[in-house]
Amino acid sequence: MIEHTLIIIKPDGLVKSLTGNILTRLSEAKLRILGAKVVRVTRRLAKKHYAGLKDKPFFEDLIKYIMGEYHNCHRVLAMVYSGEDAISKIRDIVGSTNPEKANPVSIRGAYGRITTSGVFENVIHASDSREAAEKEIKLWFKPSEIVEKIYPTKIITVKSKKEIVWK
């Protein structure tokens, strides 16, 4: 079944210059990239992304982590991958959320760690279900930033919208 999934290379992955290694590993899934962009993660975006974990004691650490507060790297690489069984293929390559429990040959097993303060530095995010993927892709990407139509869209007129353009 054709699926779509959101993948985020987190600030620690960027700081450690793992982007190339991670993309090479992800290519093993033989999926198509439909969107990719570097994003400065705002607090608002981080809170929406991790909304399901808002009652957890580590919620604030997650927010700071994805925003790049712990690595002085305030950006991530967000991507949309698509293809047959994309979610399970990517999750197998990415590995368990806890780097210490992840298969050592997975991305998280090879590059992740748990800091002495208990923060999971697992270098990458991957959607864990079709529902989560749709929610996350719609949160991180506008329809115009994805090269194929993957979900229904609509056209709206926005008046008085300010936009930054090139001089």
C-alpha atoms as a PDB file:
ATOM      1  CA  MET A   1       0.000   0.000   0.000  1.00  0.00           C
ATOM      2  CA  ILE A   2       1.341   3.445  -0.917  1.00  0.00           C
ATOM      3  CA  GLU A   3       2.055   5.479   2.206  1.00  0.00           C
ATOM      4  CA  HIS A   4       3.589   8.832   2.998  1.00  0.00           C
ATOM      5  CA  THR A   5       5.769   9.594   6.001  1.00  0.00           C
ATOM      6  CA  LEU A   6       7.451  12.568   7.605  1.00  0.00           C
ATOM      7  CA  ILE A   7      11.122  12.290   8.421  1.00  0.00           C
ATOM      8  CA  ILE A   8      13.018  14.923  10.370  1.00  0.00           C
ATOM      9  CA  ILE A   9      16.766  14.971  10.824  1.00  0.00           C
ATOM     10  CA  LYS A  10      16.977  16.649  14.207  1.00  0.00           C
ATOM     11  CA  PRO A  11      19.481  19.304  15.350  1.00  0.00           C
ATOM     12  CA  ASP A  12      21.940  16.762  16.797  1.00  0.00           C
ATOM     13  CA  GLY A  13      21.990  14.944  13.446  1.00  0.00           C
ATOM     14  CA  LEU A  14      22.842  18.207  11.688  1.00  0.00           C
ATOM     15  CA  VAL A  15      25.465  19.261  14.250  1.00  0.00           C
ATOM     16  CA  LYS A  16      27.184  15.869  13.954  1.00  0.00           C
ATOM     17  CA  SER A  17      27.176  16.183  10.112  1.00  0.00           C
ATOM     18  CA  LEU A  18      25.149  12.986   9.761  1.00  0.00           C
ATOM     19  CA  THR A  19      22.823  14.205   7.017  1.00  0.00           C
ATOM     20  CA  GLY A  20      24.632  12.393   4.196  1.00  0.00           C
ATOM     21  CA  ASN A  21      24.944   9.163   6.180  1.00  0.00           C
ATOM     22  CA  ILE A  22      21.263   9.288   7.146  1.00  0.00           C
ATOM     23  CA  LEU A  23      20.092  10.008   3.588  1.00  0.00           C
ATOM     24  CA  THR A  24      22.203   7.110   2.326  1.00  0.00           C
ATOM     25  CA  ARG A  25      20.597   4.787   4.880  1.00  0.00           C
ATOM     26  CA  LEU A  26      17.092   6.059   4.040  1.00  0.00           C
ATOM     27  CA  SER A  27      17.742   5.390   0.352  1.00  0.00           C
ATOM     28  CA  GLU A  28      17.807   1.662   1.190  1.00  0.00           C
ATOM     29  CA  ALA A  29      13.999   1.837   1.492  1.00  0.00           C
ATOM     30  CA  LYS A  30      13.775   2.661  -2.241  1.00  0.00           C
ATOM     31  CA  LEU A  31      11.128   5.338  -1.646  1.00  0.00           C
ATOM     32  CA  ARG A  32      10.573   8.690  -3.346  1.00  0.00           C
ATOM     33  CA  ILE A  33      11.255  12.064  -1.739  1.00  0.00           C
ATOM     34  CA  LEU A  34       8.276  14.354  -2.394  1.00  0.00           C
ATOM     35  CA  GLY A  35       9.357  17.303  -0.273  1.00  0.00           C
ATOM     36  CA  ALA A  36      12.376  18.525   1.652  1.00  0.00           C
ATOM     37  CA  LYS A  37      13.238  21.734   3.450  1.00  0.00           C
ATOM     38  CA  VAL A  38      15.359  23.147   6.238  1.00  0.00           C
ATOM     39  CA  VAL A  39      13.136  24.505   9.005  1.00  0.00           C
ATOM     40  CA  ARG A  40      13.827  26.733  11.968  1.00  0.00           C
ATOM     41  CA  VAL A  41      11.543  25.110  14.534  1.00  0.00           C
ATOM     42  CA  THR A  42       9.477  27.593  16.502  1.00  0.00           C
ATOM     43  CA  ARG A  43       8.153  26.830  19.958  1.00  0.00           C
ATOM     44  CA  ARG A  44       4.637  26.798  18.494  1.00  0.00           C
ATOM     45  CA  LEU A  45       5.576  24.205  15.850  1.00  0.00           C
ATOM     46  CA  ALA A  46       7.437  22.080  18.400  1.00  0.00           C
ATOM     47  CA  LYS A  47       4.466  22.086  20.785  1.00  0.00           C
ATOM     48  CA  LYS A  48       2.068  21.115  18.009  1.00  0.00           C
ATOM     49  CA  HIS A  49       4.381  18.346  16.817  1.00  0.00           C
ATOM     50  CA  TYR A  50       4.688  16.850  20.312  1.00  0.00           C
ATOM     51  CA  ALA A  51       1.131  17.675  21.455  1.00  0.00           C
ATOM     52  CA  GLY A  52       0.424  14.023  22.268  1.00  0.00           C
ATOM     53  CA  LEU A  53       3.206  14.074  24.853  1.00  0.00           C
ATOM     54  CA  LYS A  54       2.283  17.360  26.557  1.00  0.00           C
ATOM     55  CA  ASP A  55       1.507  15.661  29.875  1.00  0.00           C
ATOM     56  CA  LYS A  56       4.836  13.816  30.051  1.00  0.00           C
ATOM     57  CA  PRO A  57       7.501  15.084  32.476  1.00  0.00           C
ATOM     58  CA  PHE A  58      10.040  15.280  29.624  1.00  0.00           C
ATOM     59  CA  PHE A  59       7.812  17.444  27.370  1.00  0.00           C
ATOM     60  CA  GLU A  60       9.799  20.652  27.900  1.00  0.00           C
ATOM     61  CA  ASP A  61      13.067  18.829  27.136  1.00  0.00           C
ATOM     62  CA  LEU A  62      11.543  17.554  23.863  1.00  0.00           C
ATOM     63  CA  ILE A  63      10.562  21.082  22.897  1.00  0.00           C
ATOM     64  CA  LYS A  64      14.028  22.468  23.632  1.00  0.00           C
ATOM     65  CA  TYR A  65      15.664  19.538  21.837  1.00  0.00           C
ATOM     66  CA  ILE A  66      13.719  19.834  18.558  1.00  0.00           C
ATOM     67  CA  MET A  67      14.160  23.627  18.638  1.00  0.00           C
ATOM     68  CA  GLY A  68      17.935  23.116  18.840  1.00  0.00           C
ATOM     69  CA  GLU A  69      18.421  24.651  22.276  1.00  0.00           C
ATOM     70  CA  TYR A  70      20.732  21.827  23.428  1.00  0.00           C
ATOM     71  CA  HIS A  71      22.937  21.857  20.333  1.00  0.00           C
ATOM     72  CA  ASN A  72      22.961  25.537  19.386  1.00  0.00           C
ATOM     73  CA  CYS A  73      21.623  24.462  16.001  1.00  0.00           C
ATOM     74  CA  HIS A  74      18.212  25.977  15.463  1.00  0.00           C
ATOM     75  CA  ARG A  75      17.177  24.033  12.383  1.00  0.00           C
ATOM     76  CA  VAL A  76      16.113  20.591  11.197  1.00  0.00           C
ATOM     77  CA  LEU A  77      15.797  18.929   7.809  1.00  0.00           C
ATOM     78  CA  ALA A  78      12.174  17.895   7.218  1.00  0.00           C
ATOM     79  CA  MET A  79      11.287  15.498   4.400  1.00  0.00           C
ATOM     80  CA  VAL A  80       8.273  13.687   2.992  1.00  0.00           C
ATOM     81  CA  TYR A  81       8.923  10.196   1.669  1.00  0.00           C
ATOM     82  CA  SER A  82       6.379   8.160  -0.283  1.00  0.00           C
ATOM     83  CA  GLY A  83       6.056   4.600  -1.498  1.00  0.00           C
ATOM     84  CA  GLU A  84       4.956   1.059  -0.818  1.00  0.00           C
ATOM     85  CA  ASP A  85       4.793   0.455   2.979  1.00  0.00           C
ATOM     86  CA  ALA A  86       6.845   3.621   3.522  1.00  0.00           C
ATOM     87  CA  ILE A  87       6.144   3.900   7.250  1.00  0.00           C
ATOM     88  CA  SER A  88       7.300   0.422   8.252  1.00  0.00           C
ATOM     89  CA  LYS A  89      10.274   0.493   5.866  1.00  0.00           C
ATOM     90  CA  ILE A  90      11.498   3.790   7.293  1.00  0.00           C
ATOM     91  CA  ARG A  91      10.797   2.779  10.908  1.00  0.00           C
ATOM     92  CA  ASP A  92      12.913  -0.363  10.406  1.00  0.00           C
ATOM     93  CA  ILE A  93      15.839   1.699   9.120  1.00  0.00           C
ATOM     94  CA  VAL A  94      15.419   4.386  11.801  1.00  0.00           C
ATOM     95  CA  GLY A  95      15.161   2.008  14.785  1.00  0.00           C
ATOM     96  CA  SER A  96      13.624   2.296  18.238  1.00  0.00           C
ATOM     97  CA  THR A  97      13.019   5.731  19.778  1.00  0.00           C
ATOM     98  CA  ASN A  98      15.340   4.820  22.657  1.00  0.00           C
ATOM     99  CA  PRO A  99      18.840   4.697  21.121  1.00  0.00           C
ATOM    100  CA  GLU A 100      19.995   2.180  23.745  1.00  0.00           C
ATOM    101  CA  LYS A 101      17.231  -0.240  22.703  1.00  0.00           C
ATOM    102  CA  ALA A 102      17.567   0.409  18.977  1.00  0.00           C
ATOM    103  CA  ASN A 103      19.144  -2.179  16.708  1.00  0.00           C
ATOM    104  CA  PRO A 104      22.843  -1.171  16.523  1.00  0.00           C
ATOM    105  CA  VAL A 105      22.706  -1.079  12.718  1.00  0.00           C
ATOM    106  CA  SER A 106      19.687   1.264  12.699  1.00  0.00           C
ATOM    107  CA  ILE A 107      20.161   5.024  12.408  1.00  0.00           C
ATOM    108  CA  ARG A 108      19.274   5.615  16.052  1.00  0.00           C
ATOM    109  CA  GLY A 109      21.299   2.627  17.212  1.00  0.00           C
ATOM    110  CA  ALA A 110      24.369   3.841  15.345  1.00  0.00           C
ATOM    111  CA  TYR A 111      24.137   7.592  15.981  1.00  0.00           C
ATOM    112  CA  GLY A 112      21.815   8.174  18.931  1.00  0.00           C
ATOM    113  CA  ARG A 113      22.582   8.459  22.624  1.00  0.00           C
ATOM    114  CA  ILE A 114      20.972   9.313  25.923  1.00  0.00           C
ATOM    115  CA  THR A 115      22.634  12.269  27.616  1.00  0.00           C
ATOM    116  CA  THR A 116      23.554  12.261  31.304  1.00  0.00           C
ATOM    117  CA  SER A 117      20.536  14.535  31.866  1.00  0.00           C
ATOM    118  CA  GLY A 118      18.308  11.860  30.301  1.00  0.00           C
ATOM    119  CA  VAL A 119      17.547  13.526  26.952  1.00  0.00           C
ATOM    120  CA  PHE A 120      17.138  11.051  24.086  1.00  0.00           C
ATOM    121  CA  GLU A 121      19.343  12.332  21.277  1.00  0.00           C
ATOM    122  CA  ASN A 122      18.001  10.028  18.606  1.00  0.00           C
ATOM    123  CA  VAL A 123      18.964  12.202  15.594  1.00  0.00           C
ATOM    124  CA  ILE A 124      15.820  11.489  13.555  1.00  0.00           C
ATOM    125  CA  HIS A 125      12.034  11.463  13.668  1.00  0.00           C
ATOM    126  CA  ALA A 126       9.843   9.192  11.537  1.00  0.00           C
ATOM    127  CA  SER A 127       6.053   9.002  11.577  1.00  0.00           C
ATOM    128  CA  ASP A 128       4.787   5.882  13.334  1.00  0.00           C
ATOM    129  CA  SER A 129       1.388   5.479  11.646  1.00  0.00           C
ATOM    130  CA  ARG A 130      -0.634   6.647   8.635  1.00  0.00           C
ATOM    131  CA  GLU A 131      -2.673   8.956  10.889  1.00  0.00           C
ATOM    132  CA  ALA A 132       0.407  10.469  12.504  1.00  0.00           C
ATOM    133  CA  ALA A 133       2.092  10.876   9.120  1.00  0.00           C
ATOM    134  CA  GLU A 134      -0.843  12.814   7.671  1.00  0.00           C
ATOM    135  CA  LYS A 135      -1.078  15.064  10.720  1.00  0.00           C
ATOM    136  CA  GLU A 136       2.682  15.669  10.787  1.00  0.00           C
ATOM    137  CA  ILE A 137       3.075  16.253   7.042  1.00  0.00           C
ATOM    138  CA  LYS A 138       0.230  18.787   7.105  1.00  0.00           C
ATOM    139  CA  LEU A 139       1.851  20.484  10.113  1.00  0.00           C
ATOM    140  CA  TRP A 140       5.337  20.753   8.582  1.00  0.00           C
ATOM    141  CA  PHE A 141       4.540  21.261   4.872  1.00  0.00           C
ATOM    142  CA  LYS A 142       2.199  23.376   2.767  1.00  0.00           C
ATOM    143  CA  PRO A 143       0.647  21.565  -0.208  1.00  0.00           C
ATOM    144  CA  SER A 144       2.752  23.734  -2.547  1.00  0.00           C
ATOM    145  CA  GLU A 145       5.969  22.418  -0.942  1.00  0.00           C
ATOM    146  CA  ILE A 146       5.240  18.818  -1.936  1.00  0.00           C
ATOM    147  CA  VAL A 147       5.738  17.881  -5.586  1.00  0.00           C
ATOM    148  CA  GLU A 148       2.719  15.553  -5.792  1.00  0.00           C
ATOM    149  CA  LYS A 149      -0.783  15.879  -4.408  1.00  0.00           C
ATOM    150  CA  ILE A 150      -0.934  13.371  -1.546  1.00  0.00           C
ATOM    151  CA  TYR A 151      -3.949  14.649   0.409  1.00  0.00           C
ATOM    152  CA  PRO A 152      -7.045  16.605  -0.634  1.00  0.00           C
ATOM    153  CA  THR A 153      -6.519  20.354  -0.913  1.00  0.00           C
ATOM    154  CA  LYS A 154      -8.626  23.453  -1.367  1.00  0.00           C
ATOM    155  CA  ILE A 155      -7.999  26.955  -2.627  1.00  0.00           C
ATOM    156  CA  ILE A 156      -8.667  29.865  -0.322  1.00  0.00           C
ATOM    157  CA  THR A 157      -8.246  33.600  -0.739  1.00  0.00           C
ATOM    158  CA  VAL A 158      -6.236  35.298   1.946  1.00  0.00           C
ATOM    159  CA  LYS A 159      -6.580  39.067   2.044  1.00  0.00           C
ATOM    160  CA  SER A 160      -4.028  41.464   3.498  1.00  0.00           C
ATOM    161  CA  LYS A 161      -1.412  38.766   3.811  1.00  0.00           C
ATOM    162  CA  LYS A 162       2.104  40.086   4.177  1.00  0.00           C
ATOM    163  CA  GLU A 163       4.824  38.023   2.604  1.00  0.00           C
ATOM    164  CA  ILE A 164       8.585  38.291   2.400  1.00  0.00           C
ATOM    165  CA  VAL A 165       9.810  38.382  -1.202  1.00  0.00           C
ATOM    166  CA  TRP A 166      13.209  38.868  -2.828  1.00  0.00           C
ATOM    167  CA  LYS A 167      14.314  42.471  -3.545  1.00  0.00           C
END
